[in-house]
N, C-alpha and C. Protein backbone atom coordinates (compact mmCIF):
# COMPACT_ATOMS: atom_id res chain seq x y z
N MET A 1 105.48 74.41 57.26
CA MET A 1 104.39 75.12 56.54
C MET A 1 105.12 76.74 56.16
N LYS A 2 105.47 76.77 55.19
CA LYS A 2 105.92 78.15 54.68
C LYS A 2 105.52 79.22 55.24
N ASP A 3 104.32 79.62 54.66
CA ASP A 3 103.47 80.93 55.63
C ASP A 3 102.33 80.54 56.29
N PHE A 4 102.51 80.04 57.52
CA PHE A 4 101.04 79.40 57.73
C PHE A 4 100.24 80.13 58.53
N ILE A 5 100.55 81.75 58.87
CA ILE A 5 99.56 82.89 59.32
C ILE A 5 98.90 82.92 57.97
N GLN A 6 99.38 83.25 56.94
CA GLN A 6 98.85 83.54 55.74
C GLN A 6 97.74 82.44 55.22
N HIS A 7 97.82 81.21 55.44
CA HIS A 7 97.26 80.33 55.04
C HIS A 7 95.77 80.12 55.99
N LEU A 8 96.04 80.72 57.23
CA LEU A 8 95.17 80.67 58.59
C LEU A 8 94.29 81.96 58.00
N VAL A 9 94.72 82.90 57.62
CA VAL A 9 93.98 84.16 57.05
C VAL A 9 93.13 84.16 55.96
N ASN A 10 93.94 83.26 55.24
CA ASN A 10 92.99 82.94 53.94
C ASN A 10 91.68 81.91 54.38
N GLN A 11 92.24 81.01 55.05
CA GLN A 11 90.71 80.21 55.60
C GLN A 11 89.58 80.80 56.75
N SER A 12 90.63 81.77 57.21
CA SER A 12 89.46 82.19 58.41
C SER A 12 88.51 83.00 57.36
N LYS A 13 88.58 83.40 56.23
CA LYS A 13 87.56 84.09 55.44
C LYS A 13 86.44 83.43 54.88
N LEU A 14 86.96 82.18 54.87
CA LEU A 14 85.91 81.14 54.19
C LEU A 14 84.62 81.02 55.12
N ALA A 15 83.58 80.51 54.45
CA ALA A 15 82.36 80.15 55.24
C ALA A 15 82.66 78.64 55.84
N THR A 16 83.35 77.79 55.17
CA THR A 16 83.48 76.93 55.56
C THR A 16 85.06 76.38 55.26
N PRO A 17 85.91 76.65 56.59
CA PRO A 17 87.81 76.27 56.16
C PRO A 17 87.77 74.77 55.77
N ALA A 18 88.71 74.72 55.11
CA ALA A 18 89.18 73.14 54.87
C ALA A 18 89.74 72.58 55.86
N ILE A 19 89.23 71.80 56.73
CA ILE A 19 89.56 71.03 57.48
C ILE A 19 90.72 69.88 56.84
N ASN A 20 91.70 69.94 57.06
CA ASN A 20 92.52 68.97 56.40
C ASN A 20 94.18 69.20 56.78
N HIS A 21 95.17 68.44 56.45
CA HIS A 21 96.30 68.00 56.95
C HIS A 21 97.00 69.56 56.84
N ALA A 22 97.21 70.27 55.91
CA ALA A 22 97.57 71.74 55.94
C ALA A 22 97.40 72.83 57.06
N LEU A 23 95.96 72.67 56.89
CA LEU A 23 95.33 73.23 58.04
C LEU A 23 95.74 72.86 59.68
N ASP A 24 95.94 71.75 59.82
CA ASP A 24 96.29 71.00 61.18
C ASP A 24 97.81 71.44 61.10
N ASP A 25 98.44 71.40 60.32
CA ASP A 25 99.95 71.91 60.40
C ASP A 25 100.06 73.55 60.66
N ALA A 26 99.16 74.04 59.86
CA ALA A 26 99.26 75.53 60.02
C ALA A 26 98.91 75.97 61.78
N LEU A 27 97.74 75.21 62.19
CA LEU A 27 97.36 75.28 63.52
C LEU A 27 98.71 74.70 64.54
N THR A 28 99.04 73.69 64.13
CA THR A 28 100.67 73.30 65.26
C THR A 28 101.38 74.50 65.42
N HIS A 29 101.66 75.09 64.10
CA HIS A 29 102.54 76.21 64.04
C HIS A 29 102.02 77.02 65.04
N LEU A 30 100.93 77.71 64.91
CA LEU A 30 100.29 78.90 65.47
C LEU A 30 100.50 78.52 67.03
N ASP A 31 100.19 77.25 67.31
CA ASP A 31 100.26 76.62 68.74
C ASP A 31 101.57 77.18 69.16
N HIS A 32 102.66 76.74 68.42
CA HIS A 32 104.03 76.77 68.71
C HIS A 32 104.23 78.52 69.20
N SER A 33 103.93 78.99 67.94
CA SER A 33 104.15 80.65 68.13
C SER A 33 103.55 81.27 69.21
N LEU A 34 102.02 81.12 69.29
CA LEU A 34 101.62 81.85 70.36
C LEU A 34 102.00 81.20 71.68
N ALA A 35 102.87 79.94 71.80
CA ALA A 35 103.08 79.73 73.37
C ALA A 35 104.61 80.37 73.38
N GLY A 36 105.18 80.63 72.35
CA GLY A 36 106.37 81.91 72.93
C GLY A 36 105.98 83.11 73.00
N ILE A 37 105.02 83.39 72.33
CA ILE A 37 104.67 85.42 72.33
C ILE A 37 103.94 85.43 73.67
N ALA A 38 103.07 84.41 74.07
CA ALA A 38 102.23 84.23 75.56
C ALA A 38 103.16 84.12 76.58
N ALA A 39 104.54 83.40 76.58
CA ALA A 39 105.36 83.16 77.48
C ALA A 39 106.13 84.60 77.76
N ALA A 40 106.51 85.15 76.55
CA ALA A 40 106.93 86.12 76.59
C ALA A 40 106.18 87.55 77.41
N LEU A 41 104.98 87.49 77.05
CA LEU A 41 104.26 88.85 77.26
C LEU A 41 103.39 88.53 78.74
N GLU A 42 103.32 87.05 79.31
CA GLU A 42 102.29 87.03 80.20
C GLU A 42 101.15 87.81 80.66
N VAL A 43 100.27 87.91 79.70
CA VAL A 43 99.22 88.76 79.55
C VAL A 43 98.04 87.76 79.43
N GLU A 44 97.09 87.44 80.05
CA GLU A 44 95.82 86.32 80.25
C GLU A 44 95.03 87.56 79.19
N TYR A 45 94.51 86.43 78.50
CA TYR A 45 93.26 86.63 77.50
C TYR A 45 92.24 85.69 77.70
N ILE A 46 90.83 86.08 77.59
CA ILE A 46 89.76 85.15 77.56
C ILE A 46 89.07 85.64 76.15
N GLY A 47 89.51 84.53 75.01
CA GLY A 47 89.51 85.23 73.59
C GLY A 47 87.87 84.78 73.47
N PRO A 48 87.29 84.54 72.16
CA PRO A 48 86.29 84.31 71.13
C PRO A 48 85.96 82.78 71.68
N PHE A 49 84.40 82.77 72.06
CA PHE A 49 83.74 81.48 72.46
C PHE A 49 83.91 80.40 71.12
N VAL A 50 83.98 79.32 71.38
CA VAL A 50 84.13 78.27 70.34
C VAL A 50 83.43 77.10 70.72
N GLY A 51 81.93 76.93 71.35
CA GLY A 51 81.69 76.00 71.76
C GLY A 51 80.77 75.06 70.71
N VAL A 52 80.73 73.96 70.57
CA VAL A 52 80.19 73.14 69.27
C VAL A 52 78.60 72.99 69.64
N GLU A 53 78.63 72.35 70.83
CA GLU A 53 77.04 72.15 71.64
C GLU A 53 76.52 73.17 71.60
N THR A 54 76.84 74.06 72.30
CA THR A 54 76.58 75.84 72.71
C THR A 54 78.07 76.50 72.38
N LEU A 55 77.84 77.68 71.84
CA LEU A 55 78.76 78.30 71.46
C LEU A 55 79.46 78.78 72.68
N LYS A 56 79.01 78.87 73.82
CA LYS A 56 79.54 79.60 75.29
C LYS A 56 80.17 78.34 76.17
N ALA A 57 80.09 77.32 75.06
CA ALA A 57 80.58 76.18 76.29
C ALA A 57 82.12 76.17 76.22
N HIS A 58 82.78 76.97 75.28
CA HIS A 58 84.39 76.83 75.12
C HIS A 58 84.78 77.72 74.45
N ALA A 59 86.27 78.60 75.00
CA ALA A 59 86.62 79.65 74.69
C ALA A 59 88.07 79.68 74.14
N MET A 60 88.52 80.55 73.65
CA MET A 60 90.07 80.47 73.10
C MET A 60 90.67 81.51 74.42
N VAL A 61 91.38 80.47 75.08
CA VAL A 61 92.05 81.39 76.36
C VAL A 61 93.21 81.21 76.40
N ILE A 62 94.70 82.62 76.75
CA ILE A 62 95.54 82.86 76.77
C ILE A 62 95.64 82.67 78.46
N ARG A 63 96.70 82.02 78.87
CA ARG A 63 97.15 81.94 80.50
C ARG A 63 98.11 80.93 80.50
N ALA A 64 98.74 80.85 82.03
CA ALA A 64 99.32 80.02 82.25
C ALA A 64 98.57 78.93 82.48
N HIS A 65 98.65 78.09 81.75
CA HIS A 65 97.67 76.47 81.78
C HIS A 65 98.41 75.81 82.14
N GLU A 66 97.57 74.81 83.08
CA GLU A 66 98.26 73.73 83.86
C GLU A 66 98.08 72.17 83.00
N TRP A 67 98.91 72.35 81.53
CA TRP A 67 98.49 71.66 80.49
C TRP A 67 98.74 70.27 80.78
N GLN A 68 100.41 70.12 81.80
CA GLN A 68 100.79 69.03 82.35
C GLN A 68 100.66 69.12 83.56
N ILE A 69 100.33 67.84 84.62
CA ILE A 69 99.87 68.01 86.01
C ILE A 69 101.32 68.70 86.64
N HIS A 70 101.06 69.92 87.17
CA HIS A 70 101.79 70.42 88.39
C HIS A 70 102.52 71.27 87.32
N GLN A 71 102.48 71.78 86.24
CA GLN A 71 103.40 71.99 85.50
C GLN A 71 102.46 73.53 84.26
N HIS A 72 102.79 74.72 85.14
CA HIS A 72 101.92 75.87 84.21
C HIS A 72 102.85 76.27 83.25
N THR A 73 102.25 76.62 81.70
CA THR A 73 102.77 76.71 80.76
C THR A 73 101.69 77.76 80.31
N TRP A 74 102.38 78.89 79.85
CA TRP A 74 101.85 80.25 79.23
C TRP A 74 101.42 79.50 77.53
N SER A 75 100.13 79.62 77.12
CA SER A 75 99.74 79.19 75.75
C SER A 75 98.66 79.56 75.43
N MET A 76 98.09 79.20 74.04
CA MET A 76 96.47 79.32 73.96
C MET A 76 95.79 77.96 73.61
N LYS A 77 95.11 77.73 74.68
CA LYS A 77 94.17 76.46 74.39
C LYS A 77 92.80 76.66 74.47
N ILE A 78 92.07 75.93 73.83
CA ILE A 78 90.55 75.57 73.92
C ILE A 78 90.12 75.22 74.80
N CYS A 79 89.13 76.11 76.06
CA CYS A 79 88.96 75.76 77.49
C CYS A 79 87.35 75.69 77.57
N SER A 80 87.40 74.94 78.92
CA SER A 80 85.60 74.85 79.14
C SER A 80 85.38 76.01 79.96
N ALA A 81 84.15 76.71 79.32
CA ALA A 81 84.22 78.22 79.74
C ALA A 81 82.93 78.12 80.83
N VAL A 82 82.61 76.79 81.23
CA VAL A 82 81.74 76.43 82.50
C VAL A 82 82.37 77.30 83.73
N ALA A 83 81.41 77.90 84.62
CA ALA A 83 81.81 78.59 85.67
C ALA A 83 82.86 77.75 86.53
N GLU A 84 82.15 76.28 86.82
CA GLU A 84 83.16 75.81 87.58
C GLU A 84 84.51 74.70 87.28
N ALA A 85 84.67 75.04 85.65
CA ALA A 85 85.85 74.55 85.36
C ALA A 85 86.76 75.54 85.43
N ASN A 86 86.63 76.81 85.57
CA ASN A 86 87.72 77.96 85.80
C ASN A 86 88.81 78.16 84.50
N TYR A 87 88.08 77.98 83.34
CA TYR A 87 88.75 77.97 82.01
C TYR A 87 89.67 76.69 81.80
N ARG A 88 89.45 75.38 82.30
CA ARG A 88 90.32 74.51 82.20
C ARG A 88 90.52 74.11 80.94
N PRO A 89 91.71 73.72 80.50
CA PRO A 89 92.29 73.55 79.12
C PRO A 89 91.82 72.38 78.71
N GLU A 90 91.40 72.18 77.76
CA GLU A 90 90.71 70.72 77.23
C GLU A 90 91.77 70.53 75.88
N TRP A 91 91.79 71.41 74.88
CA TRP A 91 92.71 70.68 73.63
C TRP A 91 93.19 72.08 72.97
N PRO A 92 94.67 71.84 72.55
CA PRO A 92 95.12 72.72 71.65
C PRO A 92 94.56 72.92 70.44
N ALA A 93 94.54 74.00 69.69
CA ALA A 93 93.78 74.39 68.58
C ALA A 93 93.61 73.15 67.50
N GLN A 94 95.03 72.49 67.34
CA GLN A 94 94.98 71.70 66.52
C GLN A 94 94.38 70.25 66.68
N GLY A 95 94.31 70.08 68.24
CA GLY A 95 93.58 68.87 68.75
C GLY A 95 92.25 68.87 68.88
N ALA A 96 91.66 70.07 68.60
CA ALA A 96 90.15 70.19 68.52
C ALA A 96 89.39 69.38 67.31
N SER A 97 88.16 69.23 67.65
CA SER A 97 87.17 68.33 66.57
C SER A 97 87.09 69.14 65.60
N ARG A 98 86.68 68.21 64.27
CA ARG A 98 86.57 69.06 63.09
C ARG A 98 85.45 70.54 63.10
N LEU A 99 84.75 69.89 63.54
CA LEU A 99 83.38 70.98 63.65
C LEU A 99 84.05 72.56 64.35
N ARG A 100 84.85 72.26 65.75
CA ARG A 100 85.04 72.91 66.77
C ARG A 100 86.60 73.74 65.83
N LYS A 101 87.07 73.02 64.94
CA LYS A 101 88.34 73.68 64.23
C LYS A 101 87.62 74.67 63.34
N ARG A 102 86.59 74.44 62.49
CA ARG A 102 85.96 75.64 62.06
C ARG A 102 85.61 77.00 62.73
N LEU A 103 85.10 76.46 63.83
CA LEU A 103 84.74 77.86 64.54
C LEU A 103 86.16 78.38 64.78
N ILE A 104 87.38 77.92 65.51
CA ILE A 104 88.47 78.13 65.77
C ILE A 104 89.25 79.26 64.66
N VAL A 105 89.01 78.69 63.89
CA VAL A 105 89.79 79.22 62.29
C VAL A 105 89.15 80.69 62.34
N GLN A 106 87.56 80.24 62.25
CA GLN A 106 86.74 81.76 61.67
C GLN A 106 86.64 82.68 62.57
N ALA A 107 87.13 82.23 64.28
CA ALA A 107 87.41 83.23 65.06
C ALA A 107 88.81 83.65 65.59
N LEU A 108 89.76 83.13 64.70
CA LEU A 108 91.13 83.91 64.65
C LEU A 108 91.08 85.54 64.71
N PRO A 109 90.55 86.18 63.90
CA PRO A 109 90.60 87.36 63.50
C PRO A 109 90.22 88.38 64.97
N ALA A 110 89.22 87.68 65.13
CA ALA A 110 88.68 88.09 66.59
C ALA A 110 89.26 88.22 67.71
N PHE A 111 90.10 86.70 68.07
CA PHE A 111 91.02 86.42 69.06
C PHE A 111 92.37 87.44 68.71
N PHE A 112 92.79 87.51 67.88
CA PHE A 112 93.84 88.20 67.63
C PHE A 112 93.76 89.78 67.91
N ALA A 113 92.40 90.37 67.35
CA ALA A 113 92.20 91.99 67.73
C ALA A 113 92.14 92.17 69.05
N GLY A 114 91.41 90.76 69.75
CA GLY A 114 91.30 90.86 71.30
C GLY A 114 92.14 90.72 72.08
N TYR A 115 93.55 89.87 71.81
CA TYR A 115 94.52 89.55 72.51
C TYR A 115 95.27 90.82 72.37
N THR A 116 95.56 91.56 70.94
CA THR A 116 96.34 92.61 70.87
C THR A 116 95.99 93.70 71.92
N ALA A 117 94.61 93.85 71.84
CA ALA A 117 93.96 94.79 72.96
C ALA A 117 94.43 94.64 74.33
N ALA A 118 94.54 93.46 74.91
CA ALA A 118 94.49 93.07 75.93
C ALA A 118 96.03 93.40 76.20
N VAL A 119 97.04 93.08 75.32
CA VAL A 119 98.29 93.59 75.45
C VAL A 119 98.41 94.90 75.52
N GLN A 120 97.66 95.42 74.42
CA GLN A 120 98.08 97.03 75.07
C GLN A 120 97.68 97.60 75.85
N ALA A 121 96.65 97.20 76.77
CA ALA A 121 96.13 97.82 77.71
C ALA A 121 97.07 97.42 79.04
N ALA A 122 98.18 96.34 78.76
CA ALA A 122 99.06 95.81 79.94
C ALA A 122 100.63 96.66 79.17
N ASN A 123 100.32 97.48 78.67
CA ASN A 123 101.34 98.50 77.73
C ASN A 123 102.70 97.19 77.35
N LYS A 124 102.54 96.45 76.77
CA LYS A 124 103.44 95.67 76.18
C LYS A 124 103.66 95.45 75.13
N LEU A 125 102.97 96.27 74.38
CA LEU A 125 102.76 96.10 72.77
C LEU A 125 104.21 96.26 72.14
N ASP A 126 105.00 97.16 72.80
CA ASP A 126 106.45 97.57 72.19
C ASP A 126 107.81 96.55 72.52
N THR A 127 107.24 95.28 72.90
CA THR A 127 108.47 94.62 73.35
C THR A 127 108.26 93.52 72.05
N PRO A 128 109.23 92.82 71.70
CA PRO A 128 109.74 92.05 70.84
C PRO A 128 108.26 91.21 70.34
N ALA A 129 107.74 90.56 71.57
CA ALA A 129 106.50 89.70 71.53
C ALA A 129 105.61 90.62 70.91
N GLY A 130 105.31 91.47 71.62
CA GLY A 130 104.04 92.39 71.51
C GLY A 130 103.97 92.84 69.94
N LYS A 131 105.11 93.10 69.52
CA LYS A 131 105.46 93.71 67.84
C LYS A 131 105.10 92.54 66.96
N ARG A 132 105.77 91.30 67.30
CA ARG A 132 105.21 89.96 66.88
C ARG A 132 103.57 89.77 66.67
N LEU A 133 103.14 90.04 67.84
CA LEU A 133 101.61 89.89 67.85
C LEU A 133 100.84 90.65 67.03
N THR A 134 101.60 92.16 66.85
CA THR A 134 100.67 92.95 66.41
C THR A 134 101.00 92.93 64.73
N ALA A 135 101.96 92.45 64.50
CA ALA A 135 102.25 92.05 62.83
C ALA A 135 101.06 90.85 62.63
N ILE A 136 100.72 90.15 63.30
CA ILE A 136 100.05 88.63 63.26
C ILE A 136 98.63 89.33 63.24
N ASN A 137 97.99 89.94 64.00
CA ASN A 137 97.05 90.90 64.05
C ASN A 137 96.76 91.65 62.53
N ALA A 138 97.62 92.39 62.29
CA ALA A 138 97.56 93.13 61.07
C ALA A 138 97.47 92.00 60.05
N GLN A 139 97.82 90.65 60.04
CA GLN A 139 97.76 90.09 58.75
C GLN A 139 96.09 89.58 58.61
N PHE A 140 95.48 89.48 60.03
CA PHE A 140 94.02 88.82 60.03
C PHE A 140 93.34 89.86 59.88
N ASN A 141 93.57 91.34 60.13
CA ASN A 141 92.84 92.57 60.45
C ASN A 141 92.84 93.58 59.82
N HIS A 142 93.77 93.21 58.79
CA HIS A 142 94.42 94.62 57.73
C HIS A 142 94.62 95.94 58.63
N ALA A 143 94.96 95.92 59.71
CA ALA A 143 95.55 97.19 60.43
C ALA A 143 96.49 97.93 60.20
């Protein structure tokens, strides 16, 4: 997808984002981009809640997830927010259900604002990955 961020920005403003192949493609590109940014920055962030059954059941989380057994990789995953689960990763954004994808897309502006603030607090905004994150946040939040 040529400009997947702009597609996600446009969809995040809608009351009901279009859940289709273009959105899945954009979320897949976002997943790969965030994995690179997160790995370079190594700043944990517990983002907005995106639970379907109850809003606080799942959250968008950046950290070194154990997505594959015994292999920790920095990325953003949709995680169980139940205390006993310790933010166990359950889905990549593009792998979530249709109902949850709507919540994820609508939460992207808050996610990027919060993640940028966490990176700023860690004094890493002046890195190449921090600058990329700042640019993405500006697209979502017109900063």
